[in-house]
Amino acid sequence: MIITPKNRRSSLLFPIPDSRFPIPDSRFPIPCFLYVYISNENAI
């Protein structure tokens, strides 16, 4: 996942641990997956 200013701005709206550490993603696989998916869609 490429971190861009736009994605970083989104991380403020959705403070998911995945934004800082990819390991805690195992605790919330679905929300983080959707977050990454939405961030990628916005980045395009």
Protein backbone atom coordinates (compact mmCIF):
# COMPACT_ATOMS: atom_id res chain seq x y z
CA MET A 1 0.00 0.00 0.00
CA ILE A 2 1.43 3.34 -1.06
CA ILE A 3 0.92 6.01 1.58
CA THR A 4 -0.07 9.30 0.01
CA PRO A 5 -1.14 12.58 1.66
CA LYS A 6 -4.70 11.77 0.63
CA ASN A 7 -4.54 8.36 2.30
CA ARG A 8 -2.93 9.92 5.36
CA ARG A 9 -5.81 12.40 5.54
CA SER A 10 -8.26 9.50 5.36
CA SER A 11 -6.44 7.76 8.20
CA LEU A 12 -7.36 10.71 10.41
CA LEU A 13 -11.03 10.08 9.70
CA PHE A 14 -10.60 6.35 10.26
CA PRO A 15 -7.90 5.84 12.93
CA ILE A 16 -7.32 2.15 12.20
CA PRO A 17 -4.16 0.57 13.68
CA ASP A 18 -3.38 -0.71 10.16
CA SER A 19 -2.48 2.86 9.20
CA ARG A 20 0.51 2.70 11.55
CA PHE A 21 1.23 -1.00 11.96
CA PRO A 22 0.18 -3.67 9.45
CA ILE A 23 0.36 -6.41 12.13
CA PRO A 24 -2.74 -5.33 14.16
CA ASP A 25 -4.67 -5.78 10.91
CA SER A 26 -5.11 -9.42 11.97
CA ARG A 27 -7.45 -8.25 14.74
CA PHE A 28 -9.73 -6.31 12.40
CA PRO A 29 -9.31 -7.94 8.99
CA ILE A 30 -12.58 -6.78 7.44
CA PRO A 31 -12.54 -3.07 8.47
CA CYS A 32 -8.88 -2.72 7.49
CA PHE A 33 -9.48 -4.49 4.19
CA LEU A 34 -12.33 -2.11 3.41
CA TYR A 35 -10.22 0.85 4.55
CA VAL A 36 -7.35 -0.11 2.27
CA TYR A 37 -9.75 -0.82 -0.59
CA ILE A 38 -11.47 2.57 -0.19
CA SER A 39 -8.10 4.33 0.11
CA ASN A 40 -6.90 2.71 -3.10
CA GLU A 41 -10.10 3.71 -4.90
CA ASN A 42 -9.67 7.31 -3.73
CA ALA A 43 -6.02 7.31 -4.78
CA ILE A 44 -6.90 6.40 -8.37
